[in-house]
Each structure stands twice: as structure tokens, then as C-alpha cells.
Amino acid sequence: MLWKNWSWSGRIFFVIGLGFLYAILYPVFARQRASDGPGPRSCQPSLKQIGLGFFQYQQDYDEKFPPIISGGSAYGWADALQPYIKSTWIYQCPSSPDKGQMSNGLVDPLQNGYTDYPFNANLDQISSPSLPSPSLQIVSLDGNDGLEATNARYCLTQIPPQWLHDESSPLHRHFSKTGNYLFADGHVKSYTPSQFSSNKNLVF
């Protein structure tokens, strides 16, 4: 009702004032968001796509996970999934300290920076139906500290204990200090360090 009582000139000045306020405040919030880094969900779509790649690979290879060191034309597990995933950008976390090979236009599965997401080495060529609890079995996760061999064979036999408890670790690099995990049934979930530690049923 108050808006209807305003003159056209009053409405115009009000809108202009809102525009100035937005112009002043937007850079402040933009800088804050940039310093915080991408949200916890930024890696979830990529991990879900990788999970779909695993599923499609298993359909063609007797329901087994790919070998870490693949034969034929594929160099490693991530390279073996490439025909199903289609895009190498999927392997890159937006908040990784190492932006990988994408920044200089190179895509070489033999070189570091090919993927930011390690494969669970305990699942090397394991039959998916043999897993007792697929919804609790971790297949991949956030985790590139810039020091690992992050080529197409990037894998871990266990999650480094310091990653699980240190909120500054590559596993919890997102602004809300959560880590993203891909499970064998294809779903992706975020956990804080305390949430992960309290869930004793998760398997790596």
C-alpha cells in the first residue's frame, strides 16, 4: 500500500538507491565467498559422475571395479573410466591446490594433476556384488594435497588418519570443513570430521 502512494520519481530514486547499495555490498560478499572457497557440494556432482562411470564400467566387465593399473590403452583406473565419463574435467576439484593439467590445456593420464579424487585401492578388480554393504563402502573421496602422484592411477589403501581429523586437510578443503565421499551404491555424502568419526559402519 505504501508503494502505491509513492510518486513515480520517488519509486525511481528508490530503485536507484537499491542499485547503489547492491553495487557497494556485492564486492564485499563476493570477496568473502571467494576466500571461503567452493561449497561442500561443488565436488558432489563430479563424484556422482565418477560413480556412474564405475557402474557403466562394471556392466561391461563382469561387475568388477577397474584395476588400478589397467592394461591395453588405459594407463590407470581413471583412464579406464574415461570412455564412460567422457570429460576429464570431471576429475578436477574446483578447490584443489593443484588445478591439474586443465589450466594449461594438457590431458595426460601419466602425469600428476589428472585427477583429484583417489580410488579405494582395496577395491582393485573386486566384484561389486561381493560387497556386503555397498551403501557403506567408500569408493572415492576428496583428497589431493598437491603431494601425491595424482595421475590416472591415483589411489589410497587407507584414508590418512590426519586427513580425518584435520579440518585443513585436502579432504575437508571446502568452506564448511566437510569431505565428500562416493559410495559403492553410487550415492555421495558429505561428512564433517566428527560425523565421519562417529559413524563406525563406514568401510574403506
N, C-alpha and C. Protein backbone atom coordinates (compact mmCIF):
# COMPACT_ATOMS: atom_id res chain seq x y z
N MET A 1 0.83 -1.19 0.00
CA MET A 1 0.00 0.00 0.00
C MET A 1 0.87 1.25 0.00
N LEU A 2 1.95 1.22 0.76
CA LEU A 2 2.86 2.35 0.83
C LEU A 2 3.50 2.62 -0.52
N TRP A 3 3.87 1.53 -1.23
CA TRP A 3 4.49 1.66 -2.56
C TRP A 3 3.55 2.34 -3.55
N LYS A 4 2.26 2.05 -3.45
CA LYS A 4 1.29 2.65 -4.37
C LYS A 4 1.15 4.15 -4.15
N ASN A 5 1.44 4.60 -2.95
CA ASN A 5 1.31 6.02 -2.64
C ASN A 5 2.52 6.84 -3.08
N TRP A 6 3.58 6.13 -3.49
CA TRP A 6 4.79 6.85 -3.92
C TRP A 6 4.58 7.41 -5.32
N SER A 7 5.22 8.54 -5.55
CA SER A 7 5.21 9.11 -6.90
C SER A 7 6.19 8.32 -7.77
N TRP A 8 6.07 8.52 -9.09
CA TRP A 8 6.97 7.81 -10.00
C TRP A 8 8.42 8.22 -9.75
N SER A 9 8.65 9.47 -9.47
CA SER A 9 10.02 9.92 -9.21
C SER A 9 10.56 9.31 -7.93
N GLY A 10 9.68 9.15 -6.92
CA GLY A 10 10.10 8.52 -5.67
C GLY A 10 10.47 7.06 -5.88
N ARG A 11 9.68 6.38 -6.71
CA ARG A 11 9.98 4.97 -7.00
C ARG A 11 11.30 4.83 -7.74
N ILE A 12 11.52 5.73 -8.68
CA ILE A 12 12.77 5.68 -9.45
C ILE A 12 13.98 5.89 -8.55
N PHE A 13 13.90 6.88 -7.67
CA PHE A 13 15.01 7.14 -6.75
C PHE A 13 15.23 5.96 -5.80
N PHE A 14 14.13 5.31 -5.40
CA PHE A 14 14.24 4.14 -4.51
C PHE A 14 14.99 3.00 -5.20
N VAL A 15 14.61 2.73 -6.45
CA VAL A 15 15.26 1.65 -7.22
C VAL A 15 16.74 1.98 -7.45
N ILE A 16 17.02 3.25 -7.78
CA ILE A 16 18.40 3.67 -7.98
C ILE A 16 19.20 3.49 -6.69
N GLY A 17 18.57 3.83 -5.55
CA GLY A 17 19.23 3.66 -4.26
C GLY A 17 19.56 2.20 -3.97
N LEU A 18 18.62 1.30 -4.32
CA LEU A 18 18.89 -0.14 -4.15
C LEU A 18 20.04 -0.58 -5.03
N GLY A 19 20.10 -0.02 -6.24
CA GLY A 19 21.20 -0.37 -7.15
C GLY A 19 22.54 0.05 -6.59
N PHE A 20 22.60 1.25 -6.02
CA PHE A 20 23.85 1.71 -5.41
C PHE A 20 24.24 0.84 -4.23
N LEU A 21 23.24 0.47 -3.41
CA LEU A 21 23.51 -0.38 -2.24
C LEU A 21 24.06 -1.74 -2.67
N TYR A 22 23.47 -2.29 -3.72
CA TYR A 22 23.95 -3.58 -4.25
C TYR A 22 25.38 -3.46 -4.76
N ALA A 23 25.65 -2.37 -5.49
CA ALA A 23 26.99 -2.16 -6.05
C ALA A 23 28.05 -2.03 -4.96
N ILE A 24 27.64 -1.45 -3.82
CA ILE A 24 28.58 -1.27 -2.71
C ILE A 24 28.83 -2.58 -1.96
N LEU A 25 27.74 -3.34 -1.72
CA LEU A 25 27.85 -4.53 -0.87
C LEU A 25 28.28 -5.79 -1.62
N TYR A 26 27.97 -5.89 -2.92
CA TYR A 26 28.28 -7.11 -3.66
C TYR A 26 29.77 -7.47 -3.62
N PRO A 27 30.69 -6.54 -3.87
CA PRO A 27 32.12 -6.91 -3.82
C PRO A 27 32.55 -7.45 -2.48
N VAL A 28 31.93 -6.96 -1.40
CA VAL A 28 32.29 -7.44 -0.06
C VAL A 28 31.94 -8.90 0.09
N PHE A 29 30.69 -9.24 -0.28
CA PHE A 29 30.25 -10.63 -0.16
C PHE A 29 30.96 -11.53 -1.16
N ALA A 30 31.25 -11.00 -2.34
CA ALA A 30 31.96 -11.80 -3.36
C ALA A 30 33.35 -12.16 -2.88
N ARG A 31 34.06 -11.20 -2.27
CA ARG A 31 35.40 -11.49 -1.75
C ARG A 31 35.34 -12.51 -0.63
N GLN A 32 34.32 -12.39 0.23
CA GLN A 32 34.19 -13.34 1.32
C GLN A 32 33.94 -14.74 0.80
N ARG A 33 33.06 -14.84 -0.20
CA ARG A 33 32.76 -16.15 -0.76
C ARG A 33 33.97 -16.75 -1.44
N ALA A 34 34.74 -15.92 -2.12
CA ALA A 34 35.94 -16.40 -2.81
C ALA A 34 36.97 -16.90 -1.81
N SER A 35 37.10 -16.19 -0.69
CA SER A 35 38.08 -16.61 0.32
C SER A 35 37.65 -17.89 1.01
N ASP A 36 36.31 -18.11 1.08
CA ASP A 36 35.81 -19.32 1.71
C ASP A 36 36.05 -20.54 0.83
N GLY A 37 36.05 -20.33 -0.49
CA GLY A 37 36.22 -21.44 -1.41
C GLY A 37 34.87 -22.04 -1.78
N PRO A 38 34.87 -23.01 -2.69
CA PRO A 38 33.63 -23.62 -3.14
C PRO A 38 32.93 -24.34 -2.01
N GLY A 39 31.63 -24.46 -2.11
CA GLY A 39 30.85 -25.13 -1.07
C GLY A 39 31.07 -26.63 -1.08
N PRO A 40 30.50 -27.31 -0.07
CA PRO A 40 30.72 -28.74 0.06
C PRO A 40 30.13 -29.54 -1.08
N ARG A 41 29.16 -28.95 -1.79
CA ARG A 41 28.51 -29.69 -2.87
C ARG A 41 29.23 -29.54 -4.20
N SER A 42 30.28 -28.70 -4.25
CA SER A 42 30.94 -28.44 -5.53
C SER A 42 31.57 -29.69 -6.12
N CYS A 43 32.02 -30.60 -5.28
CA CYS A 43 32.62 -31.84 -5.77
C CYS A 43 31.61 -32.97 -5.90
N GLN A 44 30.44 -32.81 -5.32
CA GLN A 44 29.47 -33.89 -5.35
C GLN A 44 29.02 -34.28 -6.75
N PRO A 45 28.71 -33.33 -7.63
CA PRO A 45 28.32 -33.74 -8.99
C PRO A 45 29.43 -34.51 -9.71
N SER A 46 30.68 -34.11 -9.50
CA SER A 46 31.80 -34.81 -10.14
C SER A 46 31.92 -36.23 -9.61
N LEU A 47 31.82 -36.39 -8.30
CA LEU A 47 31.91 -37.73 -7.71
C LEU A 47 30.73 -38.61 -8.15
N LYS A 48 29.56 -38.00 -8.30
CA LYS A 48 28.41 -38.78 -8.78
C LYS A 48 28.64 -39.24 -10.21
N GLN A 49 29.23 -38.39 -11.04
CA GLN A 49 29.54 -38.78 -12.41
C GLN A 49 30.58 -39.89 -12.45
N ILE A 50 31.56 -39.80 -11.56
CA ILE A 50 32.57 -40.87 -11.47
C ILE A 50 31.91 -42.17 -11.02
N GLY A 51 30.98 -42.06 -10.06
CA GLY A 51 30.24 -43.24 -9.62
C GLY A 51 29.46 -43.88 -10.76
N LEU A 52 28.87 -43.06 -11.60
CA LEU A 52 28.15 -43.58 -12.76
C LEU A 52 29.12 -44.24 -13.73
N GLY A 53 30.32 -43.68 -13.85
CA GLY A 53 31.34 -44.29 -14.69
C GLY A 53 31.74 -45.67 -14.19
N PHE A 54 31.89 -45.80 -12.88
CA PHE A 54 32.19 -47.12 -12.30
C PHE A 54 31.07 -48.11 -12.62
N PHE A 55 29.84 -47.67 -12.46
CA PHE A 55 28.68 -48.54 -12.71
C PHE A 55 28.65 -49.02 -14.15
N GLN A 56 28.87 -48.10 -15.09
CA GLN A 56 28.85 -48.48 -16.50
C GLN A 56 30.02 -49.39 -16.86
N TYR A 57 31.18 -49.11 -16.25
CA TYR A 57 32.34 -49.97 -16.48
C TYR A 57 32.04 -51.39 -16.01
N GLN A 58 31.44 -51.51 -14.83
CA GLN A 58 31.13 -52.83 -14.27
C GLN A 58 30.16 -53.61 -15.15
N GLN A 59 29.27 -52.91 -15.82
CA GLN A 59 28.34 -53.59 -16.72
C GLN A 59 29.08 -54.27 -17.87
N ASP A 60 30.20 -53.70 -18.27
CA ASP A 60 30.97 -54.25 -19.39
C ASP A 60 32.05 -55.23 -18.95
N TYR A 61 32.37 -55.23 -17.65
CA TYR A 61 33.50 -56.05 -17.18
C TYR A 61 33.11 -56.91 -15.97
N ASP A 62 32.08 -57.73 -16.17
CA ASP A 62 31.69 -58.74 -15.18
C ASP A 62 31.45 -58.18 -13.78
N GLU A 63 30.91 -56.98 -13.73
CA GLU A 63 30.54 -56.33 -12.46
C GLU A 63 31.73 -56.09 -11.54
N LYS A 64 32.90 -55.94 -12.13
CA LYS A 64 34.10 -55.70 -11.34
C LYS A 64 34.54 -54.24 -11.42
N PHE A 65 35.18 -53.79 -10.34
CA PHE A 65 35.81 -52.48 -10.37
C PHE A 65 37.05 -52.57 -11.26
N PRO A 66 37.47 -51.46 -11.83
CA PRO A 66 38.64 -51.49 -12.72
C PRO A 66 39.92 -51.74 -11.95
N PRO A 67 40.92 -52.28 -12.61
CA PRO A 67 42.23 -52.41 -11.95
C PRO A 67 42.89 -51.05 -11.81
N ILE A 68 43.67 -50.90 -10.77
CA ILE A 68 44.38 -49.63 -10.58
C ILE A 68 45.32 -49.39 -11.75
N ILE A 69 46.06 -50.44 -12.11
CA ILE A 69 46.97 -50.38 -13.25
C ILE A 69 46.30 -51.12 -14.40
N SER A 70 45.69 -50.40 -15.29
CA SER A 70 44.93 -51.01 -16.37
C SER A 70 45.84 -51.46 -17.50
N GLY A 71 45.36 -52.42 -18.23
CA GLY A 71 46.11 -52.90 -19.38
C GLY A 71 45.61 -52.24 -20.66
N GLY A 72 46.18 -52.64 -21.77
CA GLY A 72 45.76 -52.11 -23.05
C GLY A 72 46.09 -50.63 -23.19
N SER A 73 45.15 -49.88 -23.72
CA SER A 73 45.40 -48.46 -23.99
C SER A 73 45.21 -47.58 -22.75
N ALA A 74 44.60 -48.11 -21.71
CA ALA A 74 44.36 -47.33 -20.49
C ALA A 74 45.55 -47.45 -19.55
N TYR A 75 45.95 -46.33 -18.96
CA TYR A 75 47.10 -46.32 -18.06
C TYR A 75 46.71 -46.69 -16.63
N GLY A 76 45.55 -46.22 -16.19
CA GLY A 76 45.11 -46.47 -14.82
C GLY A 76 43.59 -46.51 -14.74
N TRP A 77 43.09 -46.67 -13.52
CA TRP A 77 41.64 -46.81 -13.32
C TRP A 77 40.86 -45.61 -13.86
N ALA A 78 41.40 -44.39 -13.62
CA ALA A 78 40.70 -43.18 -14.07
C ALA A 78 40.67 -43.10 -15.59
N ASP A 79 41.73 -43.54 -16.20
CA ASP A 79 41.80 -43.57 -17.66
C ASP A 79 40.84 -44.62 -18.21
N ALA A 80 40.69 -45.73 -17.50
CA ALA A 80 39.79 -46.80 -17.94
C ALA A 80 38.32 -46.35 -17.90
N LEU A 81 37.99 -45.42 -17.01
CA LEU A 81 36.62 -44.92 -16.91
C LEU A 81 36.31 -43.85 -17.94
N GLN A 82 37.33 -43.33 -18.59
CA GLN A 82 37.17 -42.19 -19.49
C GLN A 82 36.13 -42.41 -20.60
N PRO A 83 36.06 -43.60 -21.21
CA PRO A 83 35.04 -43.81 -22.25
C PRO A 83 33.61 -43.65 -21.73
N TYR A 84 33.42 -43.80 -20.42
CA TYR A 84 32.09 -43.70 -19.83
C TYR A 84 31.82 -42.30 -19.26
N ILE A 85 32.85 -41.66 -18.76
CA ILE A 85 32.70 -40.33 -18.15
C ILE A 85 32.74 -39.23 -19.21
N LYS A 86 33.51 -39.45 -20.26
CA LYS A 86 33.60 -38.55 -21.42
C LYS A 86 34.45 -37.31 -21.19
N SER A 87 34.40 -36.72 -20.00
CA SER A 87 35.09 -35.45 -19.77
C SER A 87 36.15 -35.59 -18.68
N THR A 88 37.37 -35.12 -18.96
CA THR A 88 38.43 -35.16 -17.95
C THR A 88 38.24 -34.07 -16.90
N TRP A 89 37.39 -33.06 -17.20
CA TRP A 89 37.12 -32.01 -16.21
C TRP A 89 36.45 -32.59 -14.97
N ILE A 90 35.75 -33.70 -15.13
CA ILE A 90 35.06 -34.33 -14.00
C ILE A 90 36.04 -34.69 -12.89
N TYR A 91 37.28 -34.98 -13.26
CA TYR A 91 38.28 -35.41 -12.28
C TYR A 91 38.90 -34.25 -11.50
N GLN A 92 38.51 -33.03 -11.79
CA GLN A 92 39.13 -31.88 -11.16
C GLN A 92 38.23 -31.25 -10.11
N CYS A 93 38.74 -31.10 -8.88
CA CYS A 93 38.01 -30.40 -7.83
C CYS A 93 38.25 -28.89 -7.97
N PRO A 94 37.19 -28.07 -7.95
CA PRO A 94 37.37 -26.63 -8.11
C PRO A 94 38.26 -25.98 -7.06
N SER A 95 38.34 -26.60 -5.86
CA SER A 95 39.13 -26.01 -4.78
C SER A 95 40.45 -26.72 -4.55
N SER A 96 40.88 -27.51 -5.52
CA SER A 96 42.15 -28.21 -5.38
C SER A 96 43.32 -27.23 -5.40
N PRO A 97 44.35 -27.46 -4.56
CA PRO A 97 45.53 -26.59 -4.61
C PRO A 97 46.29 -26.75 -5.92
N ASP A 98 46.11 -27.90 -6.56
CA ASP A 98 46.74 -28.16 -7.85
C ASP A 98 45.63 -28.25 -8.88
N LYS A 99 45.50 -27.23 -9.72
CA LYS A 99 44.40 -27.21 -10.68
C LYS A 99 44.59 -28.23 -11.79
N GLY A 100 45.67 -28.99 -11.68
CA GLY A 100 45.87 -30.07 -12.63
C GLY A 100 46.33 -29.59 -13.99
N GLN A 101 46.16 -30.45 -14.96
CA GLN A 101 46.64 -30.17 -16.30
C GLN A 101 45.65 -29.32 -17.10
N MET A 102 44.44 -29.15 -16.55
CA MET A 102 43.42 -28.44 -17.30
C MET A 102 43.80 -26.98 -17.52
N SER A 103 44.55 -26.40 -16.58
CA SER A 103 44.89 -24.99 -16.68
C SER A 103 45.79 -24.69 -17.88
N ASN A 104 46.60 -25.68 -18.29
CA ASN A 104 47.48 -25.43 -19.43
C ASN A 104 47.06 -26.23 -20.68
N GLY A 105 45.86 -26.79 -20.60
CA GLY A 105 45.29 -27.44 -21.78
C GLY A 105 45.80 -28.85 -22.04
N LEU A 106 46.58 -29.41 -21.13
CA LEU A 106 47.13 -30.75 -21.32
C LEU A 106 46.29 -31.78 -20.58
N VAL A 107 46.11 -32.93 -21.18
CA VAL A 107 45.38 -34.01 -20.53
C VAL A 107 46.19 -35.29 -20.74
N ASP A 108 47.03 -35.62 -19.78
CA ASP A 108 47.90 -36.77 -19.88
C ASP A 108 47.71 -37.65 -18.65
N PRO A 109 47.12 -38.85 -18.79
CA PRO A 109 46.87 -39.71 -17.64
C PRO A 109 48.14 -40.19 -16.94
N LEU A 110 49.30 -40.03 -17.60
CA LEU A 110 50.55 -40.45 -16.98
C LEU A 110 51.12 -39.38 -16.05
N GLN A 111 50.60 -38.16 -16.14
CA GLN A 111 51.16 -37.05 -15.39
C GLN A 111 50.30 -36.70 -14.17
N ASN A 112 50.94 -36.10 -13.15
CA ASN A 112 50.22 -35.63 -11.98
C ASN A 112 49.22 -34.55 -12.38
N GLY A 113 48.14 -34.48 -11.63
CA GLY A 113 47.11 -33.50 -11.91
C GLY A 113 45.99 -34.04 -12.78
N TYR A 114 46.01 -35.34 -13.08
CA TYR A 114 44.95 -35.92 -13.90
C TYR A 114 43.65 -36.03 -13.12
N THR A 115 43.74 -36.39 -11.83
CA THR A 115 42.55 -36.50 -11.01
C THR A 115 42.83 -36.05 -9.58
N ASP A 116 41.84 -35.44 -8.97
CA ASP A 116 41.93 -35.02 -7.56
C ASP A 116 41.26 -36.02 -6.63
N TYR A 117 40.65 -37.05 -7.20
CA TYR A 117 39.88 -38.00 -6.39
C TYR A 117 40.54 -39.38 -6.39
N PRO A 118 41.05 -39.82 -5.26
CA PRO A 118 41.70 -41.14 -5.22
C PRO A 118 40.68 -42.27 -5.22
N PHE A 119 41.06 -43.36 -5.84
CA PHE A 119 40.28 -44.59 -5.86
C PHE A 119 40.67 -45.43 -4.65
N ASN A 120 39.71 -46.12 -4.05
CA ASN A 120 39.99 -47.03 -2.95
C ASN A 120 40.73 -48.26 -3.50
N ALA A 121 42.03 -48.35 -3.19
CA ALA A 121 42.86 -49.43 -3.75
C ALA A 121 42.41 -50.81 -3.30
N ASN A 122 41.65 -50.89 -2.21
CA ASN A 122 41.16 -52.18 -1.73
C ASN A 122 40.07 -52.76 -2.63
N LEU A 123 39.58 -51.95 -3.56
CA LEU A 123 38.53 -52.42 -4.47
C LEU A 123 39.08 -52.78 -5.85
N ASP A 124 40.37 -52.84 -5.98
CA ASP A 124 41.02 -53.18 -7.24
C ASP A 124 40.49 -54.51 -7.78
N GLN A 125 39.72 -54.46 -8.88
CA GLN A 125 39.16 -55.62 -9.57
C GLN A 125 38.23 -56.46 -8.69
N ILE A 126 37.70 -55.86 -7.63
CA ILE A 126 36.76 -56.56 -6.76
C ILE A 126 35.38 -56.61 -7.43
N SER A 127 34.69 -57.73 -7.26
CA SER A 127 33.34 -57.86 -7.80
C SER A 127 32.37 -57.04 -6.96
N SER A 128 31.63 -56.18 -7.59
CA SER A 128 30.69 -55.31 -6.86
C SER A 128 29.64 -56.11 -6.07
N PRO A 129 29.07 -57.19 -6.62
CA PRO A 129 28.07 -57.94 -5.85
C PRO A 129 28.63 -58.60 -4.59
N SER A 130 29.95 -58.73 -4.50
CA SER A 130 30.54 -59.38 -3.32
C SER A 130 30.64 -58.44 -2.12
N LEU A 131 30.39 -57.15 -2.34
CA LEU A 131 30.47 -56.20 -1.24
C LEU A 131 29.28 -56.38 -0.31
N PRO A 132 29.52 -56.57 0.99
CA PRO A 132 28.41 -56.81 1.92
C PRO A 132 27.50 -55.61 2.13
N SER A 133 28.06 -54.41 2.08
CA SER A 133 27.26 -53.20 2.35
C SER A 133 27.67 -52.09 1.37
N PRO A 134 27.17 -52.12 0.14
CA PRO A 134 27.56 -51.11 -0.85
C PRO A 134 27.28 -49.68 -0.41
N SER A 135 26.23 -49.47 0.38
CA SER A 135 25.88 -48.11 0.80
C SER A 135 26.84 -47.57 1.86
N LEU A 136 27.69 -48.45 2.40
CA LEU A 136 28.66 -48.04 3.42
C LEU A 136 30.10 -48.14 2.92
N GLN A 137 30.27 -48.69 1.72
CA GLN A 137 31.60 -48.90 1.16
C GLN A 137 32.07 -47.69 0.39
N ILE A 138 33.13 -47.04 0.87
CA ILE A 138 33.68 -45.86 0.22
C ILE A 138 34.51 -46.28 -1.00
N VAL A 139 34.21 -45.65 -2.12
CA VAL A 139 34.92 -45.94 -3.37
C VAL A 139 35.94 -44.84 -3.69
N SER A 140 35.54 -43.60 -3.47
CA SER A 140 36.41 -42.47 -3.75
C SER A 140 36.02 -41.31 -2.85
N LEU A 141 36.83 -40.24 -2.86
CA LEU A 141 36.62 -39.13 -1.95
C LEU A 141 37.43 -37.91 -2.39
N ASP A 142 37.18 -36.79 -1.73
CA ASP A 142 38.04 -35.62 -1.91
C ASP A 142 39.43 -35.96 -1.39
N GLY A 143 40.46 -35.39 -1.99
CA GLY A 143 41.77 -35.63 -1.39
C GLY A 143 42.95 -35.49 -2.31
N ASN A 144 43.37 -34.27 -2.57
CA ASN A 144 44.61 -34.03 -3.29
C ASN A 144 45.34 -32.92 -2.56
N ASP A 145 46.42 -33.29 -1.88
CA ASP A 145 47.19 -32.30 -1.12
C ASP A 145 48.30 -31.67 -1.95
N GLY A 146 48.34 -32.03 -3.23
CA GLY A 146 49.37 -31.49 -4.10
C GLY A 146 50.69 -32.23 -4.00
N LEU A 147 50.75 -33.27 -3.16
CA LEU A 147 51.99 -34.01 -2.95
C LEU A 147 51.92 -35.44 -3.48
N GLU A 148 50.70 -35.91 -3.74
CA GLU A 148 50.52 -37.29 -4.18
C GLU A 148 50.77 -37.42 -5.68
N ALA A 149 50.93 -38.67 -6.12
CA ALA A 149 51.03 -38.96 -7.55
C ALA A 149 49.61 -39.03 -8.09
N THR A 150 49.11 -37.89 -8.53
CA THR A 150 47.70 -37.80 -8.91
C THR A 150 47.48 -38.04 -10.40
N ASN A 151 48.15 -39.07 -10.91
CA ASN A 151 47.91 -39.48 -12.29
C ASN A 151 46.69 -40.39 -12.34
N ALA A 152 46.47 -41.09 -13.44
CA ALA A 152 45.28 -41.92 -13.60
C ALA A 152 45.29 -43.15 -12.70
N ARG A 153 46.39 -43.36 -11.97
CA ARG A 153 46.47 -44.48 -11.02
C ARG A 153 46.34 -44.01 -9.57
N TYR A 154 45.97 -42.78 -9.36
CA TYR A 154 45.89 -42.22 -8.01
C TYR A 154 44.94 -43.03 -7.15
N CYS A 155 45.46 -43.57 -6.05
CA CYS A 155 44.66 -44.42 -5.17
C CYS A 155 45.20 -44.36 -3.74
N LEU A 156 44.41 -44.83 -2.82
CA LEU A 156 44.81 -44.90 -1.41
C LEU A 156 44.41 -46.26 -0.86
N THR A 157 45.28 -46.85 -0.05
CA THR A 157 44.93 -48.11 0.62
C THR A 157 44.16 -47.83 1.91
N GLN A 158 44.30 -46.62 2.43
CA GLN A 158 43.52 -46.17 3.57
C GLN A 158 43.45 -44.65 3.55
N ILE A 159 42.46 -44.10 4.22
CA ILE A 159 42.38 -42.65 4.32
C ILE A 159 43.40 -42.22 5.37
N PRO A 160 44.33 -41.34 5.04
CA PRO A 160 45.32 -40.90 6.03
C PRO A 160 44.64 -40.40 7.30
N PRO A 161 45.02 -40.93 8.46
CA PRO A 161 44.36 -40.53 9.72
C PRO A 161 44.34 -39.03 9.94
N GLN A 162 45.42 -38.35 9.54
CA GLN A 162 45.45 -36.90 9.76
C GLN A 162 44.42 -36.18 8.91
N TRP A 163 44.06 -36.78 7.77
CA TRP A 163 43.03 -36.17 6.94
C TRP A 163 41.67 -36.20 7.64
N LEU A 164 41.42 -37.25 8.39
CA LEU A 164 40.12 -37.42 9.02
C LEU A 164 39.88 -36.46 10.17
N HIS A 165 40.96 -36.00 10.79
CA HIS A 165 40.83 -35.17 12.00
C HIS A 165 41.25 -33.73 11.79
N ASP A 166 41.95 -33.46 10.70
CA ASP A 166 42.45 -32.11 10.46
C ASP A 166 41.54 -31.40 9.47
N GLU A 167 40.86 -30.34 9.93
CA GLU A 167 39.93 -29.62 9.07
C GLU A 167 40.62 -28.85 7.95
N SER A 168 41.93 -28.72 8.04
CA SER A 168 42.67 -28.05 6.97
C SER A 168 43.22 -29.04 5.94
N SER A 169 42.92 -30.32 6.12
CA SER A 169 43.41 -31.34 5.20
C SER A 169 42.69 -31.24 3.87
N PRO A 170 43.25 -31.86 2.80
CA PRO A 170 42.61 -31.79 1.49
C PRO A 170 41.23 -32.44 1.46
N LEU A 171 40.97 -33.34 2.41
CA LEU A 171 39.66 -33.98 2.48
C LEU A 171 38.58 -33.00 2.89
N HIS A 172 38.95 -32.01 3.69
CA HIS A 172 37.97 -31.04 4.20
C HIS A 172 38.29 -29.63 3.71
N ARG A 173 38.62 -29.52 2.44
CA ARG A 173 39.08 -28.24 1.91
C ARG A 173 37.95 -27.25 1.63
N HIS A 174 36.71 -27.68 1.78
CA HIS A 174 35.60 -26.79 1.50
C HIS A 174 35.32 -25.88 2.69
N PHE A 175 34.60 -24.77 2.41
CA PHE A 175 34.46 -23.73 3.43
C PHE A 175 33.75 -24.23 4.69
N SER A 176 32.89 -25.24 4.58
CA SER A 176 32.18 -25.75 5.75
C SER A 176 32.93 -26.89 6.42
N LYS A 177 34.18 -27.13 5.96
CA LYS A 177 35.04 -28.15 6.55
C LYS A 177 34.41 -29.55 6.47
N THR A 178 33.82 -29.86 5.34
CA THR A 178 33.26 -31.18 5.12
C THR A 178 34.01 -31.88 4.00
N GLY A 179 33.97 -33.21 4.04
CA GLY A 179 34.57 -34.01 2.98
C GLY A 179 33.48 -34.77 2.24
N ASN A 180 33.64 -34.93 0.93
CA ASN A 180 32.67 -35.65 0.11
C ASN A 180 33.16 -37.07 -0.15
N TYR A 181 32.24 -38.01 -0.04
CA TYR A 181 32.58 -39.42 -0.20
C TYR A 181 31.63 -40.07 -1.21
N LEU A 182 32.22 -40.84 -2.14
CA LEU A 182 31.44 -41.63 -3.09
C LEU A 182 31.36 -43.06 -2.57
N PHE A 183 30.14 -43.61 -2.55
CA PHE A 183 29.93 -44.97 -2.05
C PHE A 183 29.61 -45.92 -3.20
N ALA A 184 29.76 -47.21 -2.93
CA ALA A 184 29.65 -48.24 -3.97
C ALA A 184 28.26 -48.32 -4.57
N ASP A 185 27.24 -47.85 -3.86
CA ASP A 185 25.90 -47.87 -4.43
C ASP A 185 25.62 -46.64 -5.29
N GLY A 186 26.63 -45.75 -5.40
CA GLY A 186 26.52 -44.60 -6.28
C GLY A 186 26.18 -43.29 -5.60
N HIS A 187 25.78 -43.32 -4.33
CA HIS A 187 25.42 -42.06 -3.69
C HIS A 187 26.66 -41.36 -3.14
N VAL A 188 26.57 -40.04 -3.00
CA VAL A 188 27.65 -39.21 -2.49
C VAL A 188 27.14 -38.47 -1.26
N LYS A 189 27.97 -38.43 -0.22
CA LYS A 189 27.55 -37.76 1.02
C LYS A 189 28.71 -36.99 1.61
N SER A 190 28.37 -35.86 2.26
CA SER A 190 29.38 -35.03 2.92
C SER A 190 29.37 -35.32 4.42
N TYR A 191 30.57 -35.36 4.99
CA TYR A 191 30.72 -35.56 6.44
C TYR A 191 31.73 -34.55 6.98
N THR A 192 31.45 -34.03 8.16
CA THR A 192 32.46 -33.30 8.90
C THR A 192 33.37 -34.34 9.55
N PRO A 193 34.54 -33.96 10.04
CA PRO A 193 35.41 -34.94 10.71
C PRO A 193 34.71 -35.67 11.87
N SER A 194 33.95 -34.94 12.66
CA SER A 194 33.28 -35.56 13.80
C SER A 194 32.18 -36.52 13.35
N GLN A 195 31.46 -36.14 12.30
CA GLN A 195 30.41 -37.01 11.78
C GLN A 195 31.00 -38.30 11.22
N PHE A 196 32.10 -38.17 10.51
CA PHE A 196 32.74 -39.36 9.94
C PHE A 196 33.26 -40.27 11.05
N SER A 197 33.92 -39.70 12.04
CA SER A 197 34.50 -40.49 13.13
C SER A 197 33.44 -41.21 13.94
N SER A 198 32.26 -40.59 14.07
CA SER A 198 31.20 -41.20 14.88
C SER A 198 30.46 -42.30 14.14
N ASN A 199 30.61 -42.37 12.81
CA ASN A 199 29.94 -43.40 12.03
C ASN A 199 30.89 -44.59 11.86
N LYS A 200 30.78 -45.54 12.73
CA LYS A 200 31.71 -46.69 12.75
C LYS A 200 31.42 -47.72 11.68
N ASN A 201 30.30 -47.56 10.96
CA ASN A 201 29.90 -48.57 9.98
C ASN A 201 30.51 -48.32 8.59
N LEU A 202 31.09 -47.15 8.40
CA LEU A 202 31.68 -46.84 7.09
C LEU A 202 32.90 -47.71 6.84
N VAL A 203 33.05 -48.14 5.60
CA VAL A 203 34.14 -49.08 5.25
C VAL A 203 35.01 -48.48 4.15
N PHE A 204 36.32 -48.60 4.33
CA PHE A 204 37.26 -48.18 3.28
C PHE A 204 38.14 -49.38 2.93
